[in-house]
Amino acid sequence: MSLASNCSFVNESTSNNTEIQVNDSFGTIERANFEEECSKRSYLDSTWFAPDFSRMVNSYITYLPVHKIVRKIEESYKSRMTNIKNEISKVNCVCTTDIWTSYSRRFMGITVHWIDEKSLKRISYAIACRRFSGSHSHDRIANMLNEIHLKYEITREKLIATVTDNGSNFVKAFKRTYIIFIVQKANNNFNFLDYIETYEDNQYERESTEIMSFQEIVSPLLPSHQRCASHTLHLVATNDQSSENVKLMYNDIMQKCSTLWKSARSPKKYEVIVETLKKALKRPVVTRWNSLFDCFKQLITLKKELLILFGKLDVSNLTTNDFMFIEEYVKCTEPIAEALDILQGEADISYGYLLPTIISAKNKLKKITNDELLYCKDLIPILITSLEARFANLFNVIEEGKQAVVAAATHPKFKLRWLRCLGETARSNAMIAIKNGITSCCTPSQNMMEVDISNDGDGDGDGDGNGFDFHGIGDSAMLLQNALEMNASEVEFQGFWRDKRNDLSILHAYPIIKVAFIKFNTLIPSSAPVERMFSFATMYDIAKFNRLTDENFEKRVLCKANNINK
């Protein structure tokens, strides 16, 4: 290994026609070509790579003082965050929010997402990792969210929705707030007499009246709230397993597995594990149920090796029946795990994935119902019932389900392939929602334009060139009849769903559908992106970073999350 090939400070001025003097134990070396001399010697085993050489090298290096480095980082941070703010001002975006706890400190993280109109790719940035001291009450959460939104000029009109987990504090913070106030003018002063905030509690509704300041009245209200679908699926896979037979055996096996996974914390036992299994054991993450699923799958593949390992570690052994239960459990919960993996994506995942993914998971569970299962037979109907209950609005196409069907229908990957899986009433609701959603994205001038229906999208030509080939006339007549009763947006949608292509680029050929796609797919189904931002925060959760102020801690995390490296 030559020194010249590994030194970034060697440049033309130091490598060509430059006299270099290096003193080593063998005497003084003079060379006209510094790089040539370096290439002849290996710096790893040479005796001349010593303080004298280091001092020579230092003459070609300019060191920045600490205060200049800090200033450059600060300038880079401010420039980048200003650019992000400017980008946000030009688009509609969606925020994902969560609270992260590290030892005695808590932080609120916010990321923003939108779809670029030209490339149709998702753009994502982290904009906050702010210290959140005190209790996680819904009013304090609402206040901090409002402060961050104001900082980046994210208004309610611009913000489509905020995605969070299903915690009661977040849900309360986003309950729709109604403000009714009476303005009276006396001596040119305005008195705000009434402020009425109505929100639903878990079991009842209550009203409270208090006087608020002018700033509190005019500050933007929180945006609409979207619950994290990944967290809901997590609850389906964990909290809703009510079968006593399944629970008893599951808890017994989990106790044995937990002992095994904890053994990996000991350096000595870890060496034994790697030596026996030829790989490290995966360990589940508390907040990610699909990580437990992956751990179970690994145990199944290492079944023979584990029997040897249990004896070496002197821990409770998993029996043959235990392995049979794990195999059945993995088989029954695999549709949920696959759905979680899909929805927790970020770059290519949009709200249009939600409904098809949940429907697909339900259908896969139904197929397993007829399989011969010894231990987990009762688990399948429980998972299906839980899925239907927790995602009832999607299956019935009400409330947020209406937005989900429009998002799926305008996504080239899905279109209307999922529609047949819904009930009759739900299908009717879906078609109405799709019609209203697409029409809302159509301008009056577009609705008044003439519609070209010469090609119904089936790929059939007009004939052999003589002008009298009427192949497919039935479909064309039907399309014409529908066109007479539909506006331009609905006709364009017919052409879109008949188009056999399924890549995003086809949206450029359907301008109205493209607008609808961006509007309804900007929302993401999971708050996983903000959880990934917190993974950068844990990198600084070590002793030497504990002295950082909250402000500098946030800057470091945002720089890392947004890849600010200049």
Protein backbone atom coordinates (compact mmCIF):
# COMPACT_ATOMS: atom_id res chain seq x y z
CA MET A 1 0.00 0.00 0.00
CA SER A 2 1.63 3.24 -1.11
CA LEU A 3 1.40 6.42 0.87
CA ALA A 4 0.63 8.59 -2.14
CA SER A 5 -2.46 6.60 -3.01
CA ASN A 6 -3.86 7.11 0.47
CA CYS A 7 -3.13 10.77 1.11
CA SER A 8 -5.72 13.32 0.07
CA PHE A 9 -3.34 16.18 0.75
CA VAL A 10 -0.89 15.17 -2.04
CA ASN A 11 -1.54 17.50 -4.98
CA GLU A 12 0.25 18.81 -8.01
CA SER A 13 2.17 21.40 -6.05
CA THR A 14 3.64 18.77 -3.76
CA SER A 15 4.05 15.87 -6.16
CA ASN A 16 5.65 17.43 -9.22
CA ASN A 17 9.10 19.11 -9.41
CA THR A 18 9.19 19.84 -5.70
CA GLU A 19 12.29 19.24 -3.57
CA ILE A 20 11.41 17.40 -0.38
CA GLN A 21 13.76 16.73 2.53
CA VAL A 22 12.82 13.89 4.85
CA ASN A 23 15.08 12.89 7.73
CA ASP A 24 14.91 9.26 8.78
CA SER A 25 17.24 6.87 10.58
CA PHE A 26 19.06 6.15 7.33
CA GLY A 27 19.92 9.76 6.56
CA THR A 28 18.54 12.61 4.47
CA ILE A 29 16.51 11.88 1.34
CA GLU A 30 16.17 14.41 -1.44
CA ARG A 31 13.83 13.75 -4.34
CA ALA A 32 12.42 15.87 -7.14
CA ASN A 33 9.25 13.86 -7.30
CA PHE A 34 7.54 13.47 -3.93
CA GLU A 35 4.80 11.15 -5.18
CA GLU A 36 7.37 8.81 -6.79
CA GLU A 37 9.25 8.46 -3.49
CA CYS A 38 6.05 7.84 -1.56
CA SER A 39 5.03 5.10 -3.97
CA LYS A 40 8.32 3.27 -3.29
CA ARG A 41 7.73 3.02 0.44
CA SER A 42 4.90 1.54 2.47
CA TYR A 43 3.79 3.87 5.23
CA LEU A 44 2.52 0.95 7.30
CA ASP A 45 5.96 -0.55 8.01
CA SER A 46 8.35 2.32 7.28
CA THR A 47 10.53 3.95 9.92
CA TRP A 48 10.63 7.25 8.09
CA PHE A 49 6.91 7.93 8.56
CA ALA A 50 7.80 9.79 11.75
CA PRO A 51 7.38 13.21 13.41
CA ASP A 52 9.75 14.83 10.90
CA PHE A 53 7.59 13.62 8.02
CA SER A 54 4.42 14.66 9.84
CA ARG A 55 5.75 18.17 10.33
CA MET A 56 6.56 18.33 6.64
CA VAL A 57 3.02 17.25 5.75
CA ASN A 58 1.52 19.78 8.15
CA SER A 59 3.07 22.56 6.11
CA TYR A 60 0.68 21.64 3.29
CA ILE A 61 -2.45 21.40 5.46
CA THR A 62 -4.56 24.30 6.70
CA TYR A 63 -6.35 23.61 9.95
CA LEU A 64 -9.63 25.37 10.73
CA PRO A 65 -10.08 26.69 14.25
CA VAL A 66 -12.95 25.22 16.24
CA HIS A 67 -14.99 28.41 16.12
CA LYS A 68 -14.76 28.48 12.30
CA ILE A 69 -15.90 24.86 12.05
CA VAL A 70 -18.86 25.62 14.30
CA ARG A 71 -19.71 28.67 12.20
CA LYS A 72 -19.56 26.68 8.96
CA ILE A 73 -21.83 23.99 10.39
CA GLU A 74 -24.26 26.66 11.59
CA GLU A 75 -24.28 28.36 8.19
CA SER A 76 -24.81 25.05 6.40
CA TYR A 77 -27.65 24.14 8.76
CA LYS A 78 -29.42 27.48 8.37
CA SER A 79 -29.02 27.46 4.59
CA ARG A 80 -30.39 23.94 4.27
CA MET A 81 -33.37 24.50 6.59
CA THR A 82 -34.18 27.76 4.78
CA ASN A 83 -34.21 25.90 1.46
CA ILE A 84 -36.51 23.27 2.97
CA LYS A 85 -38.83 26.01 4.20
CA ASN A 86 -38.91 27.55 0.73
CA GLU A 87 -39.74 24.17 -0.83
CA ILE A 88 -42.55 23.64 1.69
CA SER A 89 -44.06 26.99 0.73
CA LYS A 90 -44.59 25.79 -2.84
CA VAL A 91 -46.39 22.50 -2.17
CA ASN A 92 -49.02 20.77 -0.11
CA CYS A 93 -47.39 18.47 2.39
CA VAL A 94 -48.12 16.02 5.18
CA CYS A 95 -46.36 15.76 8.52
CA THR A 96 -45.68 12.66 10.58
CA THR A 97 -45.22 13.11 14.28
CA ASP A 98 -44.09 11.11 17.29
CA ILE A 99 -42.52 11.51 20.72
CA TRP A 100 -39.24 9.77 21.51
CA THR A 101 -37.85 9.10 24.98
CA SER A 102 -34.17 8.58 25.70
CA TYR A 103 -33.33 8.00 29.35
CA SER A 104 -34.57 11.16 31.07
CA ARG A 105 -35.11 13.27 27.94
CA ARG A 106 -38.08 13.36 25.56
CA PHE A 107 -38.23 14.79 22.07
CA MET A 108 -40.96 15.49 19.54
CA GLY A 109 -40.00 14.73 15.98
CA ILE A 110 -41.68 15.98 12.82
CA THR A 111 -41.00 15.05 9.21
CA VAL A 112 -42.65 16.53 6.12
CA HIS A 113 -43.50 14.74 2.89
CA TRP A 114 -44.89 15.61 -0.52
CA ILE A 115 -44.91 14.30 -4.09
CA ASP A 116 -42.92 16.11 -6.77
CA GLU A 117 -45.21 17.04 -9.67
CA LYS A 118 -42.63 16.30 -12.38
CA SER A 119 -40.95 13.11 -11.19
CA LEU A 120 -43.91 11.90 -9.08
CA LYS A 121 -41.37 10.81 -6.45
CA ARG A 122 -41.83 11.40 -2.75
CA ILE A 123 -39.75 14.15 -1.15
CA SER A 124 -39.10 13.86 2.59
CA TYR A 125 -37.37 16.07 5.15
CA ALA A 126 -36.99 16.19 8.91
CA ILE A 127 -37.88 19.61 10.32
CA ALA A 128 -37.94 19.15 14.10
CA CYS A 129 -36.53 17.02 16.90
CA ARG A 130 -37.46 19.33 19.75
CA ARG A 131 -37.05 18.71 23.47
CA PHE A 132 -40.41 17.93 25.09
CA SER A 133 -40.15 18.26 28.84
CA GLY A 134 -43.03 17.61 31.21
CA SER A 135 -46.12 15.48 30.70
CA HIS A 136 -47.35 14.34 27.28
CA SER A 137 -50.78 15.91 27.69
CA HIS A 138 -52.88 16.57 24.60
CA ASP A 139 -52.90 20.34 25.08
CA ARG A 140 -49.10 20.56 25.35
CA ILE A 141 -48.71 18.37 22.26
CA ALA A 142 -51.08 20.65 20.35
CA ASN A 143 -49.18 23.77 21.42
CA MET A 144 -45.79 22.43 20.36
CA LEU A 145 -47.10 21.21 17.01
CA ASN A 146 -48.62 24.61 16.41
CA GLU A 147 -45.30 26.35 17.20
CA ILE A 148 -43.37 24.17 14.75
CA HIS A 149 -46.01 24.63 12.03
CA LEU A 150 -45.81 28.41 12.47
CA LYS A 151 -42.01 28.34 12.26
CA TYR A 152 -42.13 26.73 8.82
CA GLU A 153 -45.29 28.61 7.78
CA ILE A 154 -47.24 25.37 7.42
CA THR A 155 -50.85 26.53 7.46
CA ARG A 156 -53.94 24.40 7.88
CA GLU A 157 -54.80 24.91 4.21
CA LYS A 158 -51.36 23.65 3.16
CA LEU A 159 -51.20 20.72 5.56
CA ILE A 160 -53.23 17.73 4.38
CA ALA A 161 -52.96 15.71 7.60
CA THR A 162 -50.63 14.66 10.39
CA VAL A 163 -50.02 10.96 10.95
CA THR A 164 -49.39 9.73 14.51
CA ASP A 165 -49.77 6.56 16.52
CA ASN A 166 -52.99 5.67 18.32
CA GLY A 167 -51.98 7.08 21.71
CA SER A 168 -54.85 8.82 23.50
CA ASN A 169 -52.80 11.99 24.00
CA PHE A 170 -52.24 12.39 20.26
CA VAL A 171 -55.84 11.52 19.42
CA LYS A 172 -57.17 14.12 21.87
CA ALA A 173 -54.77 16.75 20.56
CA PHE A 174 -56.24 16.35 17.08
CA LYS A 175 -59.93 16.16 17.96
CA ARG A 176 -61.68 18.76 15.91
CA THR A 177 -61.76 22.05 17.74
CA TYR A 178 -64.67 24.42 17.34
CA ILE A 179 -64.14 28.04 18.26
CA ILE A 180 -67.13 30.27 18.78
CA PHE A 181 -66.54 33.73 20.00
CA ILE A 182 -68.52 36.96 20.20
CA VAL A 183 -66.71 40.17 19.46
CA GLN A 184 -67.90 43.29 21.19
CA LYS A 185 -66.45 46.67 20.54
CA ALA A 186 -66.14 49.15 23.40
CA ASN A 187 -63.74 52.07 23.40
CA ASN A 188 -62.06 50.55 20.30
CA ASN A 189 -61.17 47.39 22.29
CA PHE A 190 -62.15 43.86 21.28
CA ASN A 191 -63.31 41.48 24.01
CA PHE A 192 -63.34 37.78 23.25
CA LEU A 193 -66.07 36.52 25.56
CA ASP A 194 -66.47 32.90 24.75
CA TYR A 195 -64.20 30.12 23.68
CA ILE A 196 -65.85 26.74 23.36
CA GLU A 197 -63.75 23.66 22.78
CA THR A 198 -65.62 20.45 22.17
CA TYR A 199 -63.93 17.11 21.95
CA GLU A 200 -64.90 13.52 22.47
CA ASP A 201 -63.57 11.68 25.48
CA ASN A 202 -63.21 7.90 25.47
CA GLN A 203 -66.78 7.34 26.73
CA TYR A 204 -68.55 10.67 26.60
CA GLU A 205 -68.44 14.21 25.27
CA ARG A 206 -67.75 17.22 27.41
CA GLU A 207 -67.60 20.97 26.90
CA SER A 208 -65.39 23.56 28.56
CA THR A 209 -65.47 27.32 28.30
CA GLU A 210 -62.52 29.59 28.93
CA ILE A 211 -61.28 33.02 27.88
CA MET A 212 -58.40 33.07 25.40
CA SER A 213 -56.04 35.76 24.20
CA PHE A 214 -56.17 37.17 20.68
CA GLN A 215 -53.03 35.25 19.62
CA GLU A 216 -54.55 31.97 20.78
CA ILE A 217 -57.72 32.70 18.82
CA VAL A 218 -56.05 33.55 15.50
CA SER A 219 -53.34 30.89 15.64
CA PRO A 220 -53.89 28.12 13.10
CA LEU A 221 -55.88 25.14 14.31
CA LEU A 222 -54.34 21.72 14.14
CA PRO A 223 -54.80 19.86 10.83
CA SER A 224 -56.80 16.72 10.32
CA HIS A 225 -55.41 13.70 12.11
CA GLN A 226 -54.58 10.35 10.53
CA ARG A 227 -53.86 7.36 12.74
CA CYS A 228 -50.79 5.31 11.86
CA ALA A 229 -51.92 2.15 10.05
CA SER A 230 -48.73 0.34 11.05
CA HIS A 231 -49.46 0.95 14.72
CA THR A 232 -53.03 -0.29 14.20
CA LEU A 233 -51.71 -3.49 12.61
CA HIS A 234 -49.30 -3.81 15.53
CA LEU A 235 -52.32 -3.77 17.85
CA VAL A 236 -54.06 -6.40 15.71
CA ALA A 237 -51.07 -8.72 16.05
CA THR A 238 -50.51 -8.17 19.78
CA ASN A 239 -53.45 -6.86 21.83
CA ASP A 240 -56.24 -8.69 20.03
CA GLN A 241 -55.09 -12.28 20.48
CA SER A 242 -57.89 -13.21 22.90
CA SER A 243 -57.80 -17.00 22.56
CA GLU A 244 -56.82 -18.42 25.95
CA ASN A 245 -55.32 -21.59 24.47
CA VAL A 246 -53.12 -19.58 22.14
CA LYS A 247 -52.15 -17.12 24.87
CA LEU A 248 -51.02 -19.79 27.35
CA MET A 249 -48.69 -21.50 24.93
CA TYR A 250 -47.55 -18.22 23.38
CA ASN A 251 -46.55 -16.79 26.79
CA ASP A 252 -44.67 -19.96 27.73
CA ILE A 253 -42.70 -19.93 24.47
CA MET A 254 -42.02 -16.20 24.72
CA GLN A 255 -40.52 -16.72 28.17
CA LYS A 256 -38.10 -19.32 26.80
CA CYS A 257 -37.23 -17.20 23.76
CA SER A 258 -36.71 -14.08 25.88
CA THR A 259 -34.19 -15.96 28.01
CA LEU A 260 -32.36 -17.01 24.86
CA TRP A 261 -32.34 -13.50 23.39
CA LYS A 262 -31.14 -11.99 26.66
CA SER A 263 -28.23 -14.42 26.70
CA ALA A 264 -26.78 -12.59 23.71
CA ARG A 265 -26.09 -9.59 25.97
CA SER A 266 -23.31 -11.49 27.71
CA PRO A 267 -20.03 -11.34 25.72
CA LYS A 268 -19.13 -14.93 26.63
CA LYS A 269 -22.54 -16.33 25.73
CA TYR A 270 -22.60 -14.24 22.57
CA GLU A 271 -19.40 -15.95 21.43
CA VAL A 272 -20.97 -19.33 22.12
CA ILE A 273 -24.07 -18.37 20.13
CA VAL A 274 -22.10 -17.20 17.08
CA GLU A 275 -19.79 -20.21 17.24
CA THR A 276 -22.73 -22.65 17.38
CA LEU A 277 -25.15 -20.96 14.98
CA LYS A 278 -22.53 -19.42 12.67
CA LYS A 279 -24.51 -16.18 12.91
CA ALA A 280 -25.89 -13.77 15.51
CA LEU A 281 -29.40 -14.08 16.85
CA LYS A 282 -31.91 -11.44 15.88
CA ARG A 283 -33.58 -9.72 18.81
CA PRO A 284 -37.08 -8.21 18.68
CA VAL A 285 -37.75 -4.49 19.08
CA VAL A 286 -40.55 -3.67 21.51
CA THR A 287 -42.23 -1.12 19.25
CA ARG A 288 -41.97 -3.24 16.07
CA TRP A 289 -44.02 -6.43 16.17
CA ASN A 290 -42.76 -7.50 12.74
CA SER A 291 -39.26 -7.68 14.27
CA LEU A 292 -40.62 -10.42 16.58
CA PHE A 293 -42.03 -12.18 13.52
CA ASP A 294 -38.58 -12.07 11.87
CA CYS A 295 -37.00 -13.48 15.04
CA PHE A 296 -39.44 -16.40 15.05
CA LYS A 297 -38.67 -17.11 11.39
CA GLN A 298 -34.96 -17.22 12.21
CA LEU A 299 -35.55 -19.67 15.06
CA ILE A 300 -37.36 -22.01 12.65
CA THR A 301 -34.42 -21.99 10.21
CA LEU A 302 -31.97 -22.71 13.07
CA LYS A 303 -34.02 -25.49 14.63
CA LYS A 304 -31.26 -28.15 14.67
CA GLU A 305 -28.50 -25.80 15.79
CA LEU A 306 -30.66 -24.41 18.60
CA LEU A 307 -31.04 -27.84 20.18
CA ILE A 308 -27.25 -27.90 20.60
CA LEU A 309 -27.11 -24.28 21.73
CA PHE A 310 -29.64 -24.71 24.55
CA GLY A 311 -27.40 -27.32 26.14
CA LYS A 312 -24.31 -25.08 25.95
CA LEU A 313 -26.12 -22.07 27.42
CA ASP A 314 -27.95 -24.12 30.07
CA VAL A 315 -31.32 -22.47 29.36
CA SER A 316 -34.82 -23.91 28.94
CA ASN A 317 -35.10 -25.84 25.71
CA LEU A 318 -37.77 -25.30 23.07
CA THR A 319 -39.60 -28.59 22.63
CA THR A 320 -40.85 -30.12 19.39
CA ASN A 321 -44.35 -28.87 20.21
CA ASP A 322 -42.94 -25.40 20.81
CA PHE A 323 -41.38 -25.35 17.35
CA MET A 324 -44.65 -26.57 15.84
CA PHE A 325 -46.48 -23.71 17.54
CA ILE A 326 -43.92 -21.18 16.28
CA GLU A 327 -44.24 -22.51 12.72
CA GLU A 328 -48.04 -22.25 12.85
CA TYR A 329 -47.87 -18.81 14.46
CA VAL A 330 -45.55 -17.56 11.72
CA LYS A 331 -47.83 -19.00 9.05
CA CYS A 332 -50.95 -17.39 10.54
CA THR A 333 -49.44 -13.96 11.15
CA GLU A 334 -47.38 -13.71 7.96
CA PRO A 335 -50.08 -11.67 6.13
CA ILE A 336 -49.98 -9.10 8.95
CA ALA A 337 -46.17 -8.99 8.89
CA GLU A 338 -46.11 -8.53 5.11
CA ALA A 339 -48.64 -5.70 5.37
CA LEU A 340 -46.51 -4.01 8.04
CA ASP A 341 -43.37 -4.24 5.91
CA ILE A 342 -45.21 -2.63 2.99
CA LEU A 343 -46.83 0.21 4.94
CA GLN A 344 -43.64 1.09 6.82
CA GLY A 345 -41.88 1.95 3.59
CA GLU A 346 -41.34 5.59 2.65
CA ALA A 347 -39.82 6.27 -0.76
CA ASP A 348 -42.39 4.48 -2.92
CA ILE A 349 -45.28 4.06 -0.46
CA SER A 350 -48.28 6.37 -0.61
CA TYR A 351 -51.78 6.40 0.84
CA GLY A 352 -52.99 4.44 -2.17
CA TYR A 353 -51.24 1.36 -0.78
CA LEU A 354 -53.32 1.29 2.42
CA LEU A 355 -56.66 -0.15 1.27
CA PRO A 356 -55.23 -2.76 -1.18
CA THR A 357 -52.71 -3.87 1.45
CA ILE A 358 -55.34 -4.36 4.17
CA ILE A 359 -57.71 -6.13 1.76
CA SER A 360 -54.89 -8.40 0.60
CA ALA A 361 -53.97 -9.26 4.20
CA LYS A 362 -57.58 -10.18 4.96
CA ASN A 363 -57.86 -12.38 1.86
CA LYS A 364 -54.62 -14.20 2.70
CA LEU A 365 -55.86 -14.86 6.23
CA LYS A 366 -59.10 -16.32 4.83
CA LYS A 367 -57.12 -18.74 2.65
CA ILE A 368 -55.29 -20.07 5.72
CA THR A 369 -58.60 -20.79 7.48
CA ASN A 370 -58.97 -24.14 5.71
CA ASP A 371 -55.41 -25.28 6.47
CA GLU A 372 -54.84 -28.00 9.04
CA LEU A 373 -53.58 -26.27 12.19
CA LEU A 374 -53.10 -27.89 15.58
CA TYR A 375 -52.33 -24.96 17.89
CA CYS A 376 -53.28 -21.73 16.08
CA LYS A 377 -56.60 -22.70 14.51
CA ASP A 378 -58.44 -20.18 16.70
CA LEU A 379 -56.00 -17.41 15.85
CA ILE A 380 -57.13 -16.90 12.23
CA PRO A 381 -60.76 -15.82 12.88
CA ILE A 382 -59.55 -13.59 15.72
CA LEU A 383 -57.12 -11.78 13.41
CA ILE A 384 -59.75 -11.40 10.68
CA THR A 385 -62.32 -10.01 13.13
CA SER A 386 -59.76 -7.63 14.61
CA LEU A 387 -58.70 -6.47 11.15
CA GLU A 388 -62.30 -5.79 10.15
CA ALA A 389 -63.04 -3.93 13.40
CA ARG A 390 -59.95 -1.72 13.48
CA PHE A 391 -60.14 -0.89 9.76
CA ALA A 392 -63.94 -0.75 9.57
CA ASN A 393 -63.90 2.69 7.94
CA LEU A 394 -61.76 1.32 5.12
CA PHE A 395 -63.86 -1.78 4.50
CA ASN A 396 -67.10 0.25 4.65
CA VAL A 397 -65.64 3.23 2.73
CA ILE A 398 -66.70 5.88 5.22
CA GLU A 399 -64.80 8.86 6.67
CA GLU A 400 -61.07 8.34 5.95
CA GLY A 401 -62.01 5.29 3.87
CA LYS A 402 -63.29 7.62 1.14
CA GLN A 403 -59.88 9.21 0.74
CA ALA A 404 -58.26 5.76 0.77
CA VAL A 405 -60.36 4.50 -2.15
CA VAL A 406 -59.63 7.59 -4.28
CA ALA A 407 -55.92 7.24 -3.50
CA ALA A 408 -55.96 3.57 -4.52
CA ALA A 409 -58.11 4.14 -7.61
CA THR A 410 -55.77 6.84 -8.96
CA HIS A 411 -52.63 4.79 -8.30
CA PRO A 412 -51.49 3.01 -11.50
CA LYS A 413 -50.38 -0.03 -9.51
CA PHE A 414 -53.88 -0.76 -8.19
CA LYS A 415 -56.59 1.17 -10.08
CA LEU A 416 -59.83 -0.77 -9.42
CA ARG A 417 -58.42 -4.28 -8.99
CA TRP A 418 -59.38 -4.31 -5.31
CA LEU A 419 -63.00 -3.16 -5.83
CA ARG A 420 -64.47 -6.67 -6.22
CA CYS A 421 -63.29 -7.55 -2.68
CA LEU A 422 -65.65 -5.04 -1.05
CA GLY A 423 -69.29 -5.57 -0.14
CA GLU A 424 -72.08 -4.20 -2.30
CA THR A 425 -72.71 -1.12 -0.14
CA ALA A 426 -69.00 -0.44 0.16
CA ARG A 427 -68.57 -0.68 -3.63
CA SER A 428 -71.34 1.84 -4.10
CA ASN A 429 -69.72 4.18 -1.56
CA ALA A 430 -66.38 3.70 -3.26
CA MET A 431 -67.64 4.67 -6.73
CA ILE A 432 -69.33 7.78 -5.34
CA ALA A 433 -66.15 8.75 -3.47
CA ILE A 434 -64.00 8.19 -6.56
CA LYS A 435 -66.33 10.26 -8.73
CA ASN A 436 -66.42 13.14 -6.23
CA GLY A 437 -62.68 12.96 -5.57
CA ILE A 438 -61.65 13.08 -9.22
CA THR A 439 -64.24 15.71 -10.11
CA SER A 440 -62.89 17.95 -7.34
CA CYS A 441 -59.54 17.96 -9.14
CA CYS A 442 -61.05 18.99 -12.46
CA THR A 443 -61.26 22.67 -13.40
CA PRO A 444 -64.44 24.05 -15.04
CA SER A 445 -62.58 24.55 -18.31
CA GLN A 446 -61.51 20.89 -18.32
CA ASN A 447 -65.08 19.74 -17.75
CA MET A 448 -66.27 21.82 -20.72
CA MET A 449 -63.64 20.56 -23.16
CA GLU A 450 -64.44 18.07 -25.91
CA VAL A 451 -63.62 14.47 -25.08
CA ASP A 452 -61.84 12.22 -27.58
CA ILE A 453 -63.25 8.71 -27.21
CA SER A 454 -61.86 7.27 -30.45
CA ASN A 455 -59.72 4.81 -28.41
CA ASP A 456 -61.33 3.07 -25.46
CA GLY A 457 -57.99 1.96 -24.04
CA ASP A 458 -58.41 -1.73 -24.90
CA GLY A 459 -55.65 -1.57 -27.47
CA ASP A 460 -57.94 -2.40 -30.45
CA GLY A 461 -57.34 -0.58 -33.72
CA ASP A 462 -59.94 0.98 -36.00
CA GLY A 463 -59.48 -1.56 -38.75
CA ASP A 464 -57.35 -2.53 -41.71
CA GLY A 465 -57.10 0.96 -43.16
CA ASN A 466 -60.26 1.08 -45.32
CA GLY A 467 -62.16 2.95 -42.63
CA PHE A 468 -64.98 0.41 -42.25
CA ASP A 469 -63.70 -1.88 -39.52
CA PHE A 470 -66.04 -1.69 -36.51
CA HIS A 471 -64.27 -4.20 -34.30
CA GLY A 472 -65.17 -3.51 -30.66
CA ILE A 473 -68.17 -1.37 -31.57
CA GLY A 474 -70.07 -2.58 -28.54
CA ASP A 475 -67.47 -1.24 -26.12
CA SER A 476 -67.18 2.02 -28.04
CA ALA A 477 -70.93 2.50 -28.03
CA MET A 478 -71.05 1.90 -24.30
CA LEU A 479 -68.22 4.35 -23.74
CA LEU A 480 -69.98 6.92 -25.91
CA GLN A 481 -73.21 6.47 -23.99
CA ASN A 482 -71.36 6.93 -20.71
CA ALA A 483 -69.51 9.93 -22.11
CA LEU A 484 -72.80 11.66 -22.87
CA GLU A 485 -73.70 11.36 -19.19
CA MET A 486 -70.25 11.99 -17.68
CA ASN A 487 -67.90 14.91 -17.46
CA ALA A 488 -64.35 14.97 -18.79
CA SER A 489 -62.76 13.77 -15.55
CA GLU A 490 -64.88 10.62 -15.44
CA VAL A 491 -64.21 9.83 -19.09
CA GLU A 492 -60.49 10.31 -18.50
CA PHE A 493 -60.68 7.94 -15.55
CA GLN A 494 -62.25 5.26 -17.76
CA GLY A 495 -59.32 5.53 -20.13
CA PHE A 496 -56.93 5.43 -17.20
CA TRP A 497 -58.22 2.23 -15.61
CA ARG A 498 -58.41 0.51 -19.02
CA ASP A 499 -54.75 1.37 -19.63
CA LYS A 500 -52.75 -1.82 -19.03
CA ARG A 501 -49.60 0.01 -17.94
CA ASN A 502 -49.02 0.24 -14.19
CA ASP A 503 -46.03 2.56 -13.78
CA LEU A 504 -46.36 6.09 -12.43
CA SER A 505 -45.18 7.65 -15.69
CA ILE A 506 -48.58 6.96 -17.33
CA LEU A 507 -50.09 9.66 -15.11
CA HIS A 508 -48.53 12.30 -17.37
CA ALA A 509 -50.97 11.16 -20.08
CA TYR A 510 -53.94 11.75 -17.78
CA PRO A 511 -53.63 15.29 -16.36
CA ILE A 512 -56.81 15.19 -14.24
CA ILE A 513 -55.94 11.80 -12.74
CA LYS A 514 -52.42 13.06 -12.08
CA VAL A 515 -53.74 15.97 -10.02
CA ALA A 516 -56.00 13.59 -8.09
CA PHE A 517 -53.11 11.17 -7.54
CA ILE A 518 -50.91 13.89 -6.03
CA LYS A 519 -53.75 15.24 -3.89
CA PHE A 520 -54.87 11.93 -2.39
CA ASN A 521 -51.54 10.06 -2.34
CA THR A 522 -49.46 12.75 -0.67
CA LEU A 523 -50.61 11.33 2.64
CA ILE A 524 -48.60 8.37 3.91
CA PRO A 525 -50.18 5.46 5.80
CA SER A 526 -47.58 5.18 8.56
CA SER A 527 -45.57 7.36 10.95
CA ALA A 528 -42.52 5.12 10.38
CA PRO A 529 -40.45 7.93 8.74
CA VAL A 530 -40.31 9.94 11.95
CA GLU A 531 -39.29 6.79 13.83
CA ARG A 532 -36.39 6.43 11.40
CA MET A 533 -35.40 10.00 12.18
CA PHE A 534 -35.16 9.03 15.85
CA SER A 535 -32.65 6.34 14.88
CA PHE A 536 -30.29 9.20 14.02
CA ALA A 537 -30.99 10.67 17.45
CA THR A 538 -29.81 7.50 19.18
CA MET A 539 -26.42 7.89 17.48
CA TYR A 540 -25.83 10.91 19.69
CA ASP A 541 -27.19 9.28 22.82
CA ILE A 542 -23.75 8.53 24.25
CA ALA A 543 -21.68 10.07 26.99
CA LYS A 544 -19.73 12.62 24.94
CA PHE A 545 -22.95 14.06 23.45
CA ASN A 546 -24.83 14.34 26.74
CA ARG A 547 -23.38 17.82 27.23
CA LEU A 548 -25.06 19.11 24.09
CA THR A 549 -27.74 21.72 24.55
CA ASP A 550 -31.21 20.80 23.31
CA GLU A 551 -30.81 23.23 20.41
CA ASN A 552 -27.49 21.77 19.25
CA PHE A 553 -28.81 18.25 19.71
CA GLU A 554 -31.70 19.05 17.37
CA LYS A 555 -29.33 20.59 14.81
CA ARG A 556 -27.14 17.48 14.80
CA VAL A 557 -30.10 15.16 14.31
CA LEU A 558 -31.61 17.27 11.52
CA CYS A 559 -28.24 17.59 9.77
CA LYS A 560 -27.84 13.82 9.80
CA ALA A 561 -31.46 13.08 8.83
CA ASN A 562 -31.40 15.59 5.95
CA ASN A 563 -27.88 14.59 4.88
CA ILE A 564 -26.43 18.06 5.36
CA ASN A 565 -22.80 17.29 4.57
CA LYS A 566 -21.55 20.53 3.09
